[in-house]
Amino acid sequence: RAVSGQKGDPTLIHSAPRMAFEALQPE
């Protein structure tokens, strides 16, 4: 839901944002 379900406005994203952050590279 966090990655593929939010194609619109990024400032309206609430679903599982922390997990999306943890999926990123450290840099």
mmCIF file of all heavy atoms, coordinates in Angstrom:
data_MODEL
# 
_entry.id   MODEL 
# 
loop_
_atom_site.group_PDB 
_atom_site.id 
_atom_site.type_symbol 
_atom_site.label_atom_id 
_atom_site.label_alt_id 
_atom_site.label_comp_id 
_atom_site.label_asym_id 
_atom_site.label_entity_id 
_atom_site.label_seq_id 
_atom_site.pdbx_PDB_ins_code 
_atom_site.Cartn_x 
_atom_site.Cartn_y 
_atom_site.Cartn_z 
_atom_site.occupancy 
_atom_site.B_iso_or_equiv 
_atom_site.pdbx_formal_charge 
_atom_site.auth_seq_id 
_atom_site.auth_comp_id 
_atom_site.auth_asym_id 
_atom_site.auth_atom_id 
_atom_site.pdbx_PDB_model_num 
ATOM 1   N N   . ARG A 1 1  ? 0.840  -1.199 0.000  1.00 0.00 ? 1  ARG A N   1 
ATOM 2   C CA  . ARG A 1 1  ? 0.000  0.000  0.000  1.00 0.00 ? 1  ARG A CA  1 
ATOM 3   C C   . ARG A 1 1  ? 0.870  1.243  0.000  1.00 0.00 ? 1  ARG A C   1 
ATOM 4   O O   . ARG A 1 1  ? 0.579  2.232  -0.665 1.00 0.00 ? 1  ARG A O   1 
ATOM 5   C CB  . ARG A 1 1  ? -0.929 0.017  1.219  1.00 0.00 ? 1  ARG A CB  1 
ATOM 6   C CG  . ARG A 1 1  ? -2.047 -0.979 1.148  1.00 0.00 ? 1  ARG A CG  1 
ATOM 7   C CD  . ARG A 1 1  ? -3.207 -0.576 2.038  1.00 0.00 ? 1  ARG A CD  1 
ATOM 8   N NE  . ARG A 1 1  ? -2.839 -0.348 3.422  1.00 0.00 ? 1  ARG A NE  1 
ATOM 9   C CZ  . ARG A 1 1  ? -2.778 -1.291 4.337  1.00 0.00 ? 1  ARG A CZ  1 
ATOM 10  N NH1 . ARG A 1 1  ? -3.028 -2.541 4.012  1.00 0.00 ? 1  ARG A NH1 1 
ATOM 11  N NH2 . ARG A 1 1  ? -2.458 -1.005 5.583  1.00 0.00 ? 1  ARG A NH2 1 
ATOM 12  N N   . ALA A 1 2  ? 1.935  1.213  0.776  1.00 0.00 ? 2  ALA A N   1 
ATOM 13  C CA  . ALA A 1 2  ? 2.786  2.394  0.889  1.00 0.00 ? 2  ALA A CA  1 
ATOM 14  C C   . ALA A 1 2  ? 3.515  2.708  -0.403 1.00 0.00 ? 2  ALA A C   1 
ATOM 15  O O   . ALA A 1 2  ? 3.616  3.851  -0.810 1.00 0.00 ? 2  ALA A O   1 
ATOM 16  C CB  . ALA A 1 2  ? 3.807  2.192  2.008  1.00 0.00 ? 2  ALA A CB  1 
ATOM 17  N N   . VAL A 1 3  ? 4.022  1.664  -1.074 1.00 0.00 ? 3  VAL A N   1 
ATOM 18  C CA  . VAL A 1 3  ? 4.862  1.881  -2.244 1.00 0.00 ? 3  VAL A CA  1 
ATOM 19  C C   . VAL A 1 3  ? 4.063  1.994  -3.526 1.00 0.00 ? 3  VAL A C   1 
ATOM 20  O O   . VAL A 1 3  ? 4.271  2.905  -4.324 1.00 0.00 ? 3  VAL A O   1 
ATOM 21  C CB  . VAL A 1 3  ? 5.898  0.741  -2.373 1.00 0.00 ? 3  VAL A CB  1 
ATOM 22  C CG1 . VAL A 1 3  ? 6.686  0.874  -3.660 1.00 0.00 ? 3  VAL A CG1 1 
ATOM 23  C CG2 . VAL A 1 3  ? 6.824  0.757  -1.170 1.00 0.00 ? 3  VAL A CG2 1 
ATOM 24  N N   . SER A 1 4  ? 3.110  1.087  -3.746 1.00 0.00 ? 4  SER A N   1 
ATOM 25  C CA  . SER A 1 4  ? 2.419  1.062  -5.034 1.00 0.00 ? 4  SER A CA  1 
ATOM 26  C C   . SER A 1 4  ? 1.053  1.710  -5.012 1.00 0.00 ? 4  SER A C   1 
ATOM 27  O O   . SER A 1 4  ? 0.487  1.983  -6.056 1.00 0.00 ? 4  SER A O   1 
ATOM 28  C CB  . SER A 1 4  ? 2.274  -0.381 -5.518 1.00 0.00 ? 4  SER A CB  1 
ATOM 29  O OG  . SER A 1 4  ? 1.427  -1.105 -4.652 1.00 0.00 ? 4  SER A OG  1 
ATOM 30  N N   . GLY A 1 5  ? 0.524  2.009  -3.842 1.00 0.00 ? 5  GLY A N   1 
ATOM 31  C CA  . GLY A 1 5  ? -0.828 2.532  -3.767 1.00 0.00 ? 5  GLY A CA  1 
ATOM 32  C C   . GLY A 1 5  ? -0.918 4.022  -3.688 1.00 0.00 ? 5  GLY A C   1 
ATOM 33  O O   . GLY A 1 5  ? -1.991 4.577  -3.521 1.00 0.00 ? 5  GLY A O   1 
ATOM 34  N N   . GLN A 1 6  ? 0.206  4.727  -3.806 1.00 0.00 ? 6  GLN A N   1 
ATOM 35  C CA  . GLN A 1 6  ? 0.203  6.172  -3.655 1.00 0.00 ? 6  GLN A CA  1 
ATOM 36  C C   . GLN A 1 6  ? 0.801  6.839  -4.883 1.00 0.00 ? 6  GLN A C   1 
ATOM 37  O O   . GLN A 1 6  ? 1.937  7.265  -4.887 1.00 0.00 ? 6  GLN A O   1 
ATOM 38  C CB  . GLN A 1 6  ? 1.004  6.569  -2.401 1.00 0.00 ? 6  GLN A CB  1 
ATOM 39  C CG  . GLN A 1 6  ? 0.594  5.833  -1.144 1.00 0.00 ? 6  GLN A CG  1 
ATOM 40  C CD  . GLN A 1 6  ? -0.804 6.199  -0.699 1.00 0.00 ? 6  GLN A CD  1 
ATOM 41  O OE1 . GLN A 1 6  ? -1.323 7.244  -1.067 1.00 0.00 ? 6  GLN A OE1 1 
ATOM 42  N NE2 . GLN A 1 6  ? -1.413 5.349  0.090  1.00 0.00 ? 6  GLN A NE2 1 
ATOM 43  N N   . LYS A 1 7  ? 0.020  6.952  -5.941 1.00 0.00 ? 7  LYS A N   1 
ATOM 44  C CA  . LYS A 1 7  ? 0.526  7.522  -7.192 1.00 0.00 ? 7  LYS A CA  1 
ATOM 45  C C   . LYS A 1 7  ? 0.283  9.021  -7.271 1.00 0.00 ? 7  LYS A C   1 
ATOM 46  O O   . LYS A 1 7  ? 0.745  9.672  -8.182 1.00 0.00 ? 7  LYS A O   1 
ATOM 47  C CB  . LYS A 1 7  ? -0.151 6.832  -8.383 1.00 0.00 ? 7  LYS A CB  1 
ATOM 48  C CG  . LYS A 1 7  ? 0.129  5.333  -8.454 1.00 0.00 ? 7  LYS A CG  1 
ATOM 49  C CD  . LYS A 1 7  ? 1.607  5.044  -8.579 1.00 0.00 ? 7  LYS A CD  1 
ATOM 50  C CE  . LYS A 1 7  ? 1.867  3.555  -8.728 1.00 0.00 ? 7  LYS A CE  1 
ATOM 51  N NZ  . LYS A 1 7  ? 3.287  3.232  -8.789 1.00 0.00 ? 7  LYS A NZ  1 
ATOM 52  N N   . GLY A 1 8  ? -0.464 9.569  -6.316 1.00 0.00 ? 8  GLY A N   1 
ATOM 53  C CA  . GLY A 1 8  ? -0.813 10.978 -6.397 1.00 0.00 ? 8  GLY A CA  1 
ATOM 54  C C   . GLY A 1 8  ? 0.047  11.840 -5.504 1.00 0.00 ? 8  GLY A C   1 
ATOM 55  O O   . GLY A 1 8  ? 1.261  11.699 -5.427 1.00 0.00 ? 8  GLY A O   1 
ATOM 56  N N   . ASP A 1 9  ? -0.589 12.723 -4.776 1.00 0.00 ? 9  ASP A N   1 
ATOM 57  C CA  . ASP A 1 9  ? 0.078  13.717 -3.944 1.00 0.00 ? 9  ASP A CA  1 
ATOM 58  C C   . ASP A 1 9  ? 0.882  13.060 -2.822 1.00 0.00 ? 9  ASP A C   1 
ATOM 59  O O   . ASP A 1 9  ? 0.314  12.370 -1.974 1.00 0.00 ? 9  ASP A O   1 
ATOM 60  C CB  . ASP A 1 9  ? -1.003 14.618 -3.335 1.00 0.00 ? 9  ASP A CB  1 
ATOM 61  C CG  . ASP A 1 9  ? -0.411 15.755 -2.542 1.00 0.00 ? 9  ASP A CG  1 
ATOM 62  O OD1 . ASP A 1 9  ? 0.797  15.750 -2.273 1.00 0.00 ? 9  ASP A OD1 1 
ATOM 63  O OD2 . ASP A 1 9  ? -1.178 16.646 -2.190 1.00 0.00 ? 9  ASP A OD2 1 
ATOM 64  N N   . PRO A 1 10 ? 2.197  13.240 -2.781 1.00 0.00 ? 10 PRO A N   1 
ATOM 65  C CA  . PRO A 1 10 ? 3.007  12.593 -1.742 1.00 0.00 ? 10 PRO A CA  1 
ATOM 66  C C   . PRO A 1 10 ? 2.693  13.094 -0.352 1.00 0.00 ? 10 PRO A C   1 
ATOM 67  O O   . PRO A 1 10 ? 2.963  12.412 0.622  1.00 0.00 ? 10 PRO A O   1 
ATOM 68  C CB  . PRO A 1 10 ? 4.446  12.966 -2.139 1.00 0.00 ? 10 PRO A CB  1 
ATOM 69  C CG  . PRO A 1 10 ? 4.303  14.206 -2.941 1.00 0.00 ? 10 PRO A CG  1 
ATOM 70  C CD  . PRO A 1 10 ? 3.016  14.051 -3.692 1.00 0.00 ? 10 PRO A CD  1 
ATOM 71  N N   . THR A 1 11 ? 2.113  14.277 -0.201 1.00 0.00 ? 11 THR A N   1 
ATOM 72  C CA  . THR A 1 11 ? 1.845  14.791 1.130  1.00 0.00 ? 11 THR A CA  1 
ATOM 73  C C   . THR A 1 11 ? 0.580  14.220 1.736  1.00 0.00 ? 11 THR A C   1 
ATOM 74  O O   . THR A 1 11 ? 0.236  14.559 2.864  1.00 0.00 ? 11 THR A O   1 
ATOM 75  C CB  . THR A 1 11 ? 1.727  16.322 1.093  1.00 0.00 ? 11 THR A CB  1 
ATOM 76  O OG1 . THR A 1 11 ? 0.602  16.684 0.305  1.00 0.00 ? 11 THR A OG1 1 
ATOM 77  C CG2 . THR A 1 11 ? 2.975  16.953 0.530  1.00 0.00 ? 11 THR A CG2 1 
ATOM 78  N N   . LEU A 1 12 ? -0.117 13.344 1.030  1.00 0.00 ? 12 LEU A N   1 
ATOM 79  C CA  . LEU A 1 12 ? -1.296 12.702 1.589  1.00 0.00 ? 12 LEU A CA  1 
ATOM 80  C C   . LEU A 1 12 ? -1.006 11.254 1.958  1.00 0.00 ? 12 LEU A C   1 
ATOM 81  O O   . LEU A 1 12 ? -1.902 10.481 2.218  1.00 0.00 ? 12 LEU A O   1 
ATOM 82  C CB  . LEU A 1 12 ? -2.466 12.754 0.594  1.00 0.00 ? 12 LEU A CB  1 
ATOM 83  C CG  . LEU A 1 12 ? -3.009 14.151 0.298  1.00 0.00 ? 12 LEU A CG  1 
ATOM 84  C CD1 . LEU A 1 12 ? -4.144 14.059 -0.707 1.00 0.00 ? 12 LEU A CD1 1 
ATOM 85  C CD2 . LEU A 1 12 ? -3.479 14.826 1.564  1.00 0.00 ? 12 LEU A CD2 1 
ATOM 86  N N   . ILE A 1 13 ? 0.262  10.881 1.975  1.00 0.00 ? 13 ILE A N   1 
ATOM 87  C CA  . ILE A 1 13 ? 0.637  9.500  2.256  1.00 0.00 ? 13 ILE A CA  1 
ATOM 88  C C   . ILE A 1 13 ? 0.671  9.244  3.765  1.00 0.00 ? 13 ILE A C   1 
ATOM 89  O O   . ILE A 1 13 ? 1.309  9.951  4.508  1.00 0.00 ? 13 ILE A O   1 
ATOM 90  C CB  . ILE A 1 13 ? 2.021  9.196  1.653  1.00 0.00 ? 13 ILE A CB  1 
ATOM 91  C CG1 . ILE A 1 13 ? 1.928  9.258  0.135  1.00 0.00 ? 13 ILE A CG1 1 
ATOM 92  C CG2 . ILE A 1 13 ? 2.538  7.846  2.094  1.00 0.00 ? 13 ILE A CG2 1 
ATOM 93  C CD1 . ILE A 1 13 ? 3.254  9.258  -0.561 1.00 0.00 ? 13 ILE A CD1 1 
ATOM 94  N N   . HIS A 1 14 ? -0.024 8.198  4.207  1.00 0.00 ? 14 HIS A N   1 
ATOM 95  C CA  . HIS A 1 14 ? -0.020 7.850  5.621  1.00 0.00 ? 14 HIS A CA  1 
ATOM 96  C C   . HIS A 1 14 ? 0.228  6.361  5.847  1.00 0.00 ? 14 HIS A C   1 
ATOM 97  O O   . HIS A 1 14 ? 0.609  5.979  6.946  1.00 0.00 ? 14 HIS A O   1 
ATOM 98  C CB  . HIS A 1 14 ? -1.372 8.213  6.255  1.00 0.00 ? 14 HIS A CB  1 
ATOM 99  C CG  . HIS A 1 14 ? -1.646 9.675  6.303  1.00 0.00 ? 14 HIS A CG  1 
ATOM 100 N ND1 . HIS A 1 14 ? -1.073 10.518 7.216  1.00 0.00 ? 14 HIS A ND1 1 
ATOM 101 C CD2 . HIS A 1 14 ? -2.429 10.449 5.524  1.00 0.00 ? 14 HIS A CD2 1 
ATOM 102 C CE1 . HIS A 1 14 ? -1.499 11.763 7.014  1.00 0.00 ? 14 HIS A CE1 1 
ATOM 103 N NE2 . HIS A 1 14 ? -2.319 11.734 5.998  1.00 0.00 ? 14 HIS A NE2 1 
ATOM 104 N N   . SER A 1 15 ? 0.001  5.508  4.854  1.00 0.00 ? 15 SER A N   1 
ATOM 105 C CA  . SER A 1 15 ? 0.061  4.068  5.061  1.00 0.00 ? 15 SER A CA  1 
ATOM 106 C C   . SER A 1 15 ? 1.492  3.567  5.084  1.00 0.00 ? 15 SER A C   1 
ATOM 107 O O   . SER A 1 15 ? 2.207  3.671  4.089  1.00 0.00 ? 15 SER A O   1 
ATOM 108 C CB  . SER A 1 15 ? -0.709 3.351  3.953  1.00 0.00 ? 15 SER A CB  1 
ATOM 109 O OG  . SER A 1 15 ? -2.062 3.692  3.994  1.00 0.00 ? 15 SER A OG  1 
ATOM 110 N N   . ALA A 1 16 ? 1.881  3.032  6.217  1.00 0.00 ? 16 ALA A N   1 
ATOM 111 C CA  . ALA A 1 16 ? 3.183  2.392  6.391  1.00 0.00 ? 16 ALA A CA  1 
ATOM 112 C C   . ALA A 1 16 ? 4.367  3.217  5.916  1.00 0.00 ? 16 ALA A C   1 
ATOM 113 O O   . ALA A 1 16 ? 5.275  2.697  5.292  1.00 0.00 ? 16 ALA A O   1 
ATOM 114 C CB  . ALA A 1 16 ? 3.196  1.045  5.692  1.00 0.00 ? 16 ALA A CB  1 
ATOM 115 N N   . PRO A 1 17 ? 4.428  4.493  6.199  1.00 0.00 ? 17 PRO A N   1 
ATOM 116 C CA  . PRO A 1 17 ? 5.554  5.296  5.712  1.00 0.00 ? 17 PRO A CA  1 
ATOM 117 C C   . PRO A 1 17 ? 6.884  4.889  6.321  1.00 0.00 ? 17 PRO A C   1 
ATOM 118 O O   . PRO A 1 17 ? 7.927  4.974  5.675  1.00 0.00 ? 17 PRO A O   1 
ATOM 119 C CB  . PRO A 1 17 ? 5.171  6.728  6.117  1.00 0.00 ? 17 PRO A CB  1 
ATOM 120 C CG  . PRO A 1 17 ? 4.261  6.561  7.281  1.00 0.00 ? 17 PRO A CG  1 
ATOM 121 C CD  . PRO A 1 17 ? 3.486  5.321  6.983  1.00 0.00 ? 17 PRO A CD  1 
ATOM 122 N N   . ARG A 1 18 ? 6.868  4.430  7.566  1.00 0.00 ? 18 ARG A N   1 
ATOM 123 C CA  . ARG A 1 18 ? 8.129  4.074  8.204  1.00 0.00 ? 18 ARG A CA  1 
ATOM 124 C C   . ARG A 1 18 ? 8.785  2.894  7.515  1.00 0.00 ? 18 ARG A C   1 
ATOM 125 O O   . ARG A 1 18 ? 10.010 2.834  7.377  1.00 0.00 ? 18 ARG A O   1 
ATOM 126 C CB  . ARG A 1 18 ? 7.880  3.753  9.692  1.00 0.00 ? 18 ARG A CB  1 
ATOM 127 C CG  . ARG A 1 18 ? 9.146  3.745  10.518 1.00 0.00 ? 18 ARG A CG  1 
ATOM 128 C CD  . ARG A 1 18 ? 9.750  5.133  10.560 1.00 0.00 ? 18 ARG A CD  1 
ATOM 129 N NE  . ARG A 1 18 ? 11.137 5.124  10.941 1.00 0.00 ? 18 ARG A NE  1 
ATOM 130 C CZ  . ARG A 1 18 ? 11.929 6.182  10.932 1.00 0.00 ? 18 ARG A CZ  1 
ATOM 131 N NH1 . ARG A 1 18 ? 11.450 7.344  10.564 1.00 0.00 ? 18 ARG A NH1 1 
ATOM 132 N NH2 . ARG A 1 18 ? 13.183 6.107  11.284 1.00 0.00 ? 18 ARG A NH2 1 
ATOM 133 N N   . MET A 1 19 ? 7.974  1.949  7.081  1.00 0.00 ? 19 MET A N   1 
ATOM 134 C CA  . MET A 1 19 ? 8.530  0.794  6.398  1.00 0.00 ? 19 MET A CA  1 
ATOM 135 C C   . MET A 1 19 ? 9.119  1.182  5.045  1.00 0.00 ? 19 MET A C   1 
ATOM 136 O O   . MET A 1 19 ? 10.098 0.610  4.598  1.00 0.00 ? 19 MET A O   1 
ATOM 137 C CB  . MET A 1 19 ? 7.461  -0.286 6.224  1.00 0.00 ? 19 MET A CB  1 
ATOM 138 C CG  . MET A 1 19 ? 7.201  -1.083 7.494  1.00 0.00 ? 19 MET A CG  1 
ATOM 139 S SD  . MET A 1 19 ? 6.531  -0.105 8.845  1.00 0.00 ? 19 MET A SD  1 
ATOM 140 C CE  . MET A 1 19 ? 4.842  0.071  8.299  1.00 0.00 ? 19 MET A CE  1 
ATOM 141 N N   . ALA A 1 20 ? 8.489  2.149  4.388  1.00 0.00 ? 20 ALA A N   1 
ATOM 142 C CA  . ALA A 1 20 ? 9.041  2.629  3.121  1.00 0.00 ? 20 ALA A CA  1 
ATOM 143 C C   . ALA A 1 20 ? 10.400 3.275  3.346  1.00 0.00 ? 20 ALA A C   1 
ATOM 144 O O   . ALA A 1 20 ? 11.330 3.093  2.559  1.00 0.00 ? 20 ALA A O   1 
ATOM 145 C CB  . ALA A 1 20 ? 8.082  3.631  2.479  1.00 0.00 ? 20 ALA A CB  1 
ATOM 146 N N   . PHE A 1 21 ? 10.519 4.037  4.445  1.00 0.00 ? 21 PHE A N   1 
ATOM 147 C CA  . PHE A 1 21 ? 11.796 4.676  4.770  1.00 0.00 ? 21 PHE A CA  1 
ATOM 148 C C   . PHE A 1 21 ? 12.873 3.624  5.007  1.00 0.00 ? 21 PHE A C   1 
ATOM 149 O O   . PHE A 1 21 ? 13.993 3.748  4.515  1.00 0.00 ? 21 PHE A O   1 
ATOM 150 C CB  . PHE A 1 21 ? 11.635 5.548  6.016  1.00 0.00 ? 21 PHE A CB  1 
ATOM 151 C CG  . PHE A 1 21 ? 12.899 6.227  6.450  1.00 0.00 ? 21 PHE A CG  1 
ATOM 152 C CD1 . PHE A 1 21 ? 13.314 7.412  5.852  1.00 0.00 ? 21 PHE A CD1 1 
ATOM 153 C CD2 . PHE A 1 21 ? 13.683 5.682  7.455  1.00 0.00 ? 21 PHE A CD2 1 
ATOM 154 C CE1 . PHE A 1 21 ? 14.501 8.033  6.252  1.00 0.00 ? 21 PHE A CE1 1 
ATOM 155 C CE2 . PHE A 1 21 ? 14.855 6.291  7.866  1.00 0.00 ? 21 PHE A CE2 1 
ATOM 156 C CZ  . PHE A 1 21 ? 15.269 7.473  7.251  1.00 0.00 ? 21 PHE A CZ  1 
ATOM 157 N N   . GLU A 1 22 ? 12.534 2.579  5.734  1.00 0.00 ? 22 GLU A N   1 
ATOM 158 C CA  . GLU A 1 22 ? 13.508 1.539  6.059  1.00 0.00 ? 22 GLU A CA  1 
ATOM 159 C C   . GLU A 1 22 ? 13.931 0.742  4.825  1.00 0.00 ? 22 GLU A C   1 
ATOM 160 O O   . GLU A 1 22 ? 14.967 0.078  4.836  1.00 0.00 ? 22 GLU A O   1 
ATOM 161 C CB  . GLU A 1 22 ? 12.935 0.608  7.121  1.00 0.00 ? 22 GLU A CB  1 
ATOM 162 C CG  . GLU A 1 22 ? 12.776 1.295  8.478  1.00 0.00 ? 22 GLU A CG  1 
ATOM 163 C CD  . GLU A 1 22 ? 11.997 0.478  9.474  1.00 0.00 ? 22 GLU A CD  1 
ATOM 164 O OE1 . GLU A 1 22 ? 11.516 -0.617 9.101  1.00 0.00 ? 22 GLU A OE1 1 
ATOM 165 O OE2 . GLU A 1 22 ? 11.853 0.926  10.626 1.00 0.00 ? 22 GLU A OE2 1 
ATOM 166 N N   . ALA A 1 23 ? 13.140 0.810  3.756  1.00 0.00 ? 23 ALA A N   1 
ATOM 167 C CA  . ALA A 1 23 ? 13.484 0.086  2.537  1.00 0.00 ? 23 ALA A CA  1 
ATOM 168 C C   . ALA A 1 23 ? 14.517 0.819  1.695  1.00 0.00 ? 23 ALA A C   1 
ATOM 169 O O   . ALA A 1 23 ? 15.062 0.253  0.753  1.00 0.00 ? 23 ALA A O   1 
ATOM 170 C CB  . ALA A 1 23 ? 12.220 -0.156 1.701  1.00 0.00 ? 23 ALA A CB  1 
ATOM 171 N N   . LEU A 1 24 ? 14.814 2.072  2.061  1.00 0.00 ? 24 LEU A N   1 
ATOM 172 C CA  . LEU A 1 24 ? 15.748 2.878  1.274  1.00 0.00 ? 24 LEU A CA  1 
ATOM 173 C C   . LEU A 1 24 ? 17.200 2.583  1.628  1.00 0.00 ? 24 LEU A C   1 
ATOM 174 O O   . LEU A 1 24 ? 17.496 2.081  2.720  1.00 0.00 ? 24 LEU A O   1 
ATOM 175 C CB  . LEU A 1 24 ? 15.465 4.365  1.507  1.00 0.00 ? 24 LEU A CB  1 
ATOM 176 C CG  . LEU A 1 24 ? 14.089 4.879  1.093  1.00 0.00 ? 24 LEU A CG  1 
ATOM 177 C CD1 . LEU A 1 24 ? 13.932 6.328  1.532  1.00 0.00 ? 24 LEU A CD1 1 
ATOM 178 C CD2 . LEU A 1 24 ? 13.887 4.729  -0.399 1.00 0.00 ? 24 LEU A CD2 1 
ATOM 179 N N   . GLN A 1 25 ? 18.092 2.935  0.725  1.00 0.00 ? 25 GLN A N   1 
ATOM 180 C CA  . GLN A 1 25 ? 19.521 2.819  0.995  1.00 0.00 ? 25 GLN A CA  1 
ATOM 181 C C   . GLN A 1 25 ? 19.914 3.843  2.068  1.00 0.00 ? 25 GLN A C   1 
ATOM 182 O O   . GLN A 1 25 ? 19.312 4.920  2.159  1.00 0.00 ? 25 GLN A O   1 
ATOM 183 C CB  . GLN A 1 25 ? 20.329 3.083  -0.278 1.00 0.00 ? 25 GLN A CB  1 
ATOM 184 C CG  . GLN A 1 25 ? 20.119 2.033  -1.361 1.00 0.00 ? 25 GLN A CG  1 
ATOM 185 C CD  . GLN A 1 25 ? 20.594 0.659  -0.920 1.00 0.00 ? 25 GLN A CD  1 
ATOM 186 O OE1 . GLN A 1 25 ? 21.647 0.532  -0.292 1.00 0.00 ? 25 GLN A OE1 1 
ATOM 187 N NE2 . GLN A 1 25 ? 19.817 -0.365 -1.222 1.00 0.00 ? 25 GLN A NE2 1 
ATOM 188 N N   . PRO A 1 26 ? 20.918 3.538  2.896  1.00 0.00 ? 26 PRO A N   1 
ATOM 189 C CA  . PRO A 1 26 ? 21.310 4.440  3.985  1.00 0.00 ? 26 PRO A CA  1 
ATOM 190 C C   . PRO A 1 26 ? 21.622 5.860  3.536  1.00 0.00 ? 26 PRO A C   1 
ATOM 191 O O   . PRO A 1 26 ? 21.260 6.826  4.220  1.00 0.00 ? 26 PRO A O   1 
ATOM 192 C CB  . PRO A 1 26 ? 22.552 3.757  4.575  1.00 0.00 ? 26 PRO A CB  1 
ATOM 193 C CG  . PRO A 1 26 ? 22.345 2.312  4.280  1.00 0.00 ? 26 PRO A CG  1 
ATOM 194 C CD  . PRO A 1 26 ? 21.668 2.275  2.943  1.00 0.00 ? 26 PRO A CD  1 
ATOM 195 N N   . GLU A 1 27 ? 22.278 6.006  2.383  1.00 0.00 ? 27 GLU A N   1 
ATOM 196 C CA  . GLU A 1 27 ? 22.626 7.352  1.939  1.00 0.00 ? 27 GLU A CA  1 
ATOM 197 C C   . GLU A 1 27 ? 21.386 8.165  1.566  1.00 0.00 ? 27 GLU A C   1 
ATOM 198 O O   . GLU A 1 27 ? 21.349 9.384  1.753  1.00 0.00 ? 27 GLU A O   1 
ATOM 199 C CB  . GLU A 1 27 ? 23.595 7.301  0.750  1.00 0.00 ? 27 GLU A CB  1 
ATOM 200 C CG  . GLU A 1 27 ? 23.094 6.570  -0.475 1.00 0.00 ? 27 GLU A CG  1 
ATOM 201 C CD  . GLU A 1 27 ? 23.419 5.082  -0.463 1.00 0.00 ? 27 GLU A CD  1 
ATOM 202 O OE1 . GLU A 1 27 ? 23.681 4.539  0.627  1.00 0.00 ? 27 GLU A OE1 1 
ATOM 203 O OE2 . GLU A 1 27 ? 23.427 4.481  -1.544 1.00 0.00 ? 27 GLU A OE2 1 
# 
